[in-house]
């Protein structure tokens, strides 16, 4: 009987011990300081993307509209490829191709066939932004009907972002140290960091040209040869933002 009681006591102690070791120990709450910092810079763009469109139409034949579009587009592609440097990352590509019948609607809501329309949207990506105006003029002279968008950007955006984040991180640590010292404490580690980079994105230029209007003056006569279309890339502003929290003791 005595041996059985002893065994029961030992088992009870083991059970209790196991219960203590498996219990979760809640870590005491630690104080922290949160700061927000930013850094920015202004740079000149060195990349441009030009969206050029070739639109053709015919009132009787989709094939005729498509054939005409192909002839013009082939000339535009060939000319532009000779004006860019593909070994430096420049390229030309088709962004969109659309062929569709166009309808008009009368006052009573009746749908009436108008014409067949074909549109080929061409993207030109080049680092030689000084040639932007020349590329536009050449495309228009060969029959392109619209220049829809010009988008300027920076090729080393990631490097610029990383440099700005480094500056923002140093500012955050300095600011947190000052606050901690003022509160008679000190930084012991990083609790969290949230970072982001962005641009002002003001260099998306809506730029529309119509070849017919450029080729003819108001009297219907051929317009005189003009100088290269002036295009300015402006300045791109890059921002880095950092939200950081530091443990203090």
Protein backbone atom coordinates (compact mmCIF):
# COMPACT_ATOMS: atom_id res chain seq x y z
CA UNK A 1 0.00 0.00 0.00
CA UNK A 2 2.83 2.37 0.89
CA UNK A 3 4.60 1.64 -2.41
CA UNK A 4 1.44 2.41 -4.38
CA UNK A 5 1.02 5.77 -2.59
CA UNK A 6 4.66 6.67 -3.30
CA UNK A 7 4.21 5.88 -6.98
CA UNK A 8 1.05 7.98 -7.12
CA UNK A 9 2.86 10.94 -5.57
CA UNK A 10 5.73 10.67 -8.08
CA UNK A 11 3.32 10.50 -11.02
CA UNK A 12 1.46 13.52 -9.67
CA UNK A 13 4.68 15.52 -9.42
CA UNK A 14 5.63 14.55 -12.99
CA UNK A 15 2.21 15.61 -14.23
CA UNK A 16 2.48 18.92 -12.43
CA UNK A 17 5.99 19.48 -13.74
CA UNK A 18 4.85 18.76 -17.26
CA UNK A 19 2.04 21.22 -16.88
CA UNK A 20 4.41 23.98 -15.84
CA UNK A 21 6.88 23.40 -18.69
CA UNK A 22 4.19 23.39 -21.38
CA UNK A 23 2.47 26.55 -20.14
CA UNK A 24 3.00 29.60 -22.38
CA UNK A 25 5.13 32.30 -20.84
CA UNK A 26 3.88 35.68 -21.99
CA UNK A 27 6.68 38.01 -22.92
CA UNK A 28 6.44 41.32 -21.09
CA UNK A 29 5.36 44.20 -23.30
CA UNK A 30 8.28 46.27 -24.58
CA UNK A 31 8.21 49.99 -25.16
CA UNK A 32 8.96 51.39 -28.60
CA UNK A 33 9.24 54.62 -30.57
CA UNK A 34 7.77 55.12 -34.07
CA UNK A 35 9.08 57.67 -36.57
CA UNK A 36 8.25 58.61 -40.18
CA UNK A 37 10.91 59.97 -42.52
CA UNK A 38 11.29 60.62 -46.24
CA UNK A 39 13.85 61.61 -48.84
CA UNK A 40 13.50 62.80 -52.42
CA UNK A 41 15.49 63.82 -55.44
CA UNK A 42 14.92 65.35 -58.88
CA UNK A 43 16.39 63.69 -61.97
CA UNK A 44 16.17 64.18 -65.71
CA UNK A 45 14.43 61.33 -67.55
CA UNK A 46 16.56 59.23 -69.88
CA UNK A 47 13.89 56.90 -71.31
CA UNK A 48 10.78 57.65 -73.32
CA UNK A 49 7.94 55.47 -74.60
CA UNK A 50 5.97 56.82 -77.55
CA UNK A 51 2.57 55.36 -78.43
CA UNK A 52 1.98 55.82 -82.15
CA UNK A 53 -1.26 54.74 -83.85
CA UNK A 54 -1.99 53.95 -87.47
CA UNK A 55 -5.71 54.10 -88.24
CA UNK A 56 -7.28 53.25 -91.59
CA UNK A 57 -10.86 52.77 -92.69
CA UNK A 58 -12.96 51.78 -95.69
CA UNK A 59 -16.70 51.99 -96.17
CA UNK A 60 -16.96 48.72 -98.14
CA UNK A 61 -14.09 46.33 -97.37
CA UNK A 62 -12.41 45.26 -94.12
CA UNK A 63 -9.67 43.65 -96.21
CA UNK A 64 -8.92 46.93 -97.94
CA UNK A 65 -8.72 48.79 -94.63
CA UNK A 66 -6.45 46.09 -93.20
CA UNK A 67 -4.18 46.01 -96.24
CA UNK A 68 -3.76 49.77 -96.20
CA UNK A 69 -3.00 49.69 -92.48
CA UNK A 70 -0.35 46.99 -92.97
CA UNK A 71 1.37 48.96 -95.73
CA UNK A 72 1.59 52.11 -93.58
CA UNK A 73 2.57 50.22 -90.41
CA UNK A 74 5.38 48.34 -92.20
CA UNK A 75 6.85 51.65 -93.35
CA UNK A 76 6.60 53.12 -89.84
CA UNK A 77 8.19 50.04 -88.24
CA UNK A 78 11.07 49.99 -90.73
CA UNK A 79 11.81 53.71 -90.37
CA UNK A 80 11.73 53.71 -86.57
CA UNK A 81 13.92 50.62 -86.27
CA UNK A 82 16.54 52.54 -88.22
CA UNK A 83 16.34 55.45 -85.76
CA UNK A 84 16.79 53.57 -82.47
CA UNK A 85 19.64 51.62 -80.87
CA UNK A 86 18.46 48.08 -80.10
CA UNK A 87 21.86 47.16 -78.60
CA UNK A 88 21.17 49.77 -75.89
CA UNK A 89 17.79 48.30 -74.97
CA UNK A 90 15.65 50.27 -77.45
CA UNK A 91 12.79 48.41 -79.13
CA UNK A 92 9.59 48.74 -81.15
CA UNK A 93 6.56 46.53 -80.48
CA UNK A 94 2.87 46.24 -81.26
CA UNK A 95 0.81 47.30 -78.25
CA UNK A 96 -2.63 46.66 -79.74
CA UNK A 97 -4.29 45.75 -83.04
CA UNK A 98 -7.99 46.17 -83.63
CA UNK A 99 -10.22 45.67 -86.66
CA UNK A 100 -13.92 46.35 -86.25
CA UNK A 101 -17.03 47.62 -88.04
CA UNK A 102 -18.19 51.08 -86.95
CA UNK A 103 -21.89 51.88 -86.56
CA UNK A 104 -23.81 55.10 -86.10
CA UNK A 105 -27.20 55.49 -84.45
CA UNK A 106 -30.09 57.53 -85.75
CA UNK A 107 -32.36 59.64 -83.58
CA UNK A 108 -34.84 56.76 -83.29
CA UNK A 109 -32.11 54.41 -82.06
CA UNK A 110 -31.65 52.47 -85.29
CA UNK A 111 -28.14 51.17 -85.84
CA UNK A 112 -26.56 51.95 -89.23
CA UNK A 113 -23.30 50.58 -90.59
CA UNK A 114 -20.74 53.35 -91.20
CA UNK A 115 -17.36 51.83 -92.10
CA UNK A 116 -14.69 49.27 -91.29
CA UNK A 117 -11.89 50.64 -89.12
CA UNK A 118 -8.47 49.15 -88.43
CA UNK A 119 -6.07 50.46 -85.78
CA UNK A 120 -2.49 49.42 -85.06
CA UNK A 121 -0.91 50.81 -81.89
CA UNK A 122 2.90 50.87 -81.88
CA UNK A 123 5.13 51.38 -78.83
CA UNK A 124 8.58 52.90 -79.33
CA UNK A 125 10.91 52.52 -76.32
CA UNK A 126 14.17 54.45 -76.56
CA UNK A 127 16.86 55.92 -74.33
CA UNK A 128 17.69 58.52 -76.96
CA UNK A 129 14.99 60.95 -75.89
CA UNK A 130 16.57 63.70 -78.01
CA UNK A 131 15.13 61.88 -81.04
CA UNK A 132 11.55 61.90 -79.74
CA UNK A 133 10.40 64.75 -81.96
CA UNK A 134 12.18 63.31 -85.01
CA UNK A 135 10.57 59.89 -84.48
CA UNK A 136 7.12 61.47 -84.20
CA UNK A 137 7.59 63.55 -87.33
CA UNK A 138 8.84 60.58 -89.32
CA UNK A 139 5.92 58.37 -88.26
CA UNK A 140 3.40 61.07 -89.17
CA UNK A 141 5.04 61.70 -92.54
CA UNK A 142 4.70 57.99 -93.36
CA UNK A 143 0.98 57.90 -92.57
CA UNK A 144 0.65 57.42 -88.80
CA UNK A 145 -2.52 59.20 -87.67
CA UNK A 146 -2.11 59.61 -83.90
CA UNK A 147 0.57 59.98 -81.27
CA UNK A 148 -1.44 59.05 -78.19
CA UNK A 149 1.02 59.16 -75.30
CA UNK A 150 4.56 60.08 -74.33
CA UNK A 151 5.81 58.55 -71.08
CA UNK A 152 9.17 59.69 -69.71
CA UNK A 153 10.97 57.63 -67.06
CA UNK A 154 14.34 56.95 -65.40
CA UNK A 155 16.31 53.83 -66.27
CA UNK A 156 18.11 53.62 -62.89
CA UNK A 157 14.94 54.08 -60.83
CA UNK A 158 15.75 51.14 -58.52
CA UNK A 159 19.21 52.50 -57.70
CA UNK A 160 17.75 55.94 -57.02
CA UNK A 161 15.11 54.38 -54.76
CA UNK A 162 17.71 52.39 -52.79
CA UNK A 163 19.88 55.46 -52.25
CA UNK A 164 16.92 57.49 -51.00
CA UNK A 165 15.79 54.69 -48.66
CA UNK A 166 19.29 54.59 -47.16
CA UNK A 167 19.09 58.32 -46.48
CA UNK A 168 15.60 57.98 -44.99
CA UNK A 169 16.73 55.07 -42.75
CA UNK A 170 19.62 57.10 -41.35
CA UNK A 171 17.28 60.02 -40.68
CA UNK A 172 14.84 57.69 -38.93
CA UNK A 173 17.51 56.24 -36.63
CA UNK A 174 18.85 59.71 -35.77
CA UNK A 175 15.37 61.00 -35.02
CA UNK A 176 14.50 57.97 -32.87
CA UNK A 177 17.77 58.34 -30.89
CA UNK A 178 16.99 61.99 -30.18
CA UNK A 179 13.47 61.16 -28.97
CA UNK A 180 14.69 58.23 -26.86
CA UNK A 181 17.39 60.32 -25.22
CA UNK A 182 14.87 63.04 -24.41
CA UNK A 183 12.73 60.39 -22.70
CA UNK A 184 15.70 59.09 -20.66
CA UNK A 185 15.87 55.78 -22.53
CA UNK A 186 17.75 54.28 -25.46
CA UNK A 187 17.18 52.22 -28.63
CA UNK A 188 17.66 48.45 -28.27
CA UNK A 189 16.52 47.16 -31.68
CA UNK A 190 14.15 47.44 -34.61
CA UNK A 191 10.51 46.47 -34.13
CA UNK A 192 9.36 47.04 -37.72
CA UNK A 193 10.06 48.98 -40.91
CA UNK A 194 7.77 49.82 -43.83
CA UNK A 195 9.32 51.32 -46.95
CA UNK A 196 8.10 52.58 -50.32
CA UNK A 197 9.27 54.54 -53.36
CA UNK A 198 7.23 56.52 -55.87
CA UNK A 199 7.47 59.27 -58.48
CA UNK A 200 5.41 62.37 -59.11
CA UNK A 201 4.42 60.72 -62.43
CA UNK A 202 3.81 64.09 -64.06
CA UNK A 203 5.77 63.06 -67.12
CA UNK A 204 2.94 61.23 -68.82
CA UNK A 205 2.23 63.55 -71.70
CA UNK A 206 -1.04 63.36 -73.62
CA UNK A 207 0.12 64.25 -77.09
CA UNK A 208 -2.22 63.85 -80.05
CA UNK A 209 -1.43 64.64 -83.65
CA UNK A 210 -3.52 64.14 -86.73
CA UNK A 211 -1.59 63.54 -89.93
CA UNK A 212 -4.25 65.07 -92.18
CA UNK A 213 -4.16 68.34 -90.25
CA UNK A 214 -0.38 68.43 -90.34
CA UNK A 215 -0.18 67.68 -94.06
CA UNK A 216 -2.68 70.32 -95.17
CA UNK A 217 -3.19 73.94 -94.25
CA UNK A 218 -6.61 75.53 -93.83
CA UNK A 219 -6.88 76.21 -97.57
CA UNK A 220 -6.23 72.59 -98.43
CA UNK A 221 -2.73 73.20 -99.78
CA UNK A 222 0.30 71.26 -98.64
CA UNK A 223 1.81 72.79 -95.53
CA UNK A 224 5.44 73.92 -95.67
CA UNK A 225 8.08 71.71 -94.09
CA UNK A 226 8.34 72.51 -90.39
CA UNK A 227 11.13 72.14 -87.88
CA UNK A 228 11.31 69.04 -85.68
CA UNK A 229 8.42 68.81 -83.23
CA UNK A 230 9.78 70.18 -79.91
CA UNK A 231 9.55 67.68 -77.03
CA UNK A 232 10.83 68.36 -73.50
CA UNK A 233 11.23 65.57 -70.94
CA UNK A 234 11.19 67.88 -67.92
CA UNK A 235 12.14 66.63 -64.45
CA UNK A 236 11.03 63.51 -62.56
CA UNK A 237 10.84 63.67 -58.76
CA UNK A 238 11.46 60.41 -56.88
CA UNK A 239 10.24 59.97 -53.30
CA UNK A 240 11.24 57.42 -50.64
CA UNK A 241 9.13 56.97 -47.49
CA UNK A 242 10.04 54.99 -44.38
CA UNK A 243 7.94 54.22 -41.28
CA UNK A 244 10.03 52.65 -38.55
CA UNK A 245 9.47 51.48 -34.98
CA UNK A 246 12.36 50.92 -32.52
CA UNK A 247 12.36 49.06 -29.22
CA UNK A 248 13.55 51.13 -26.25
CA UNK A 249 14.71 50.30 -22.75
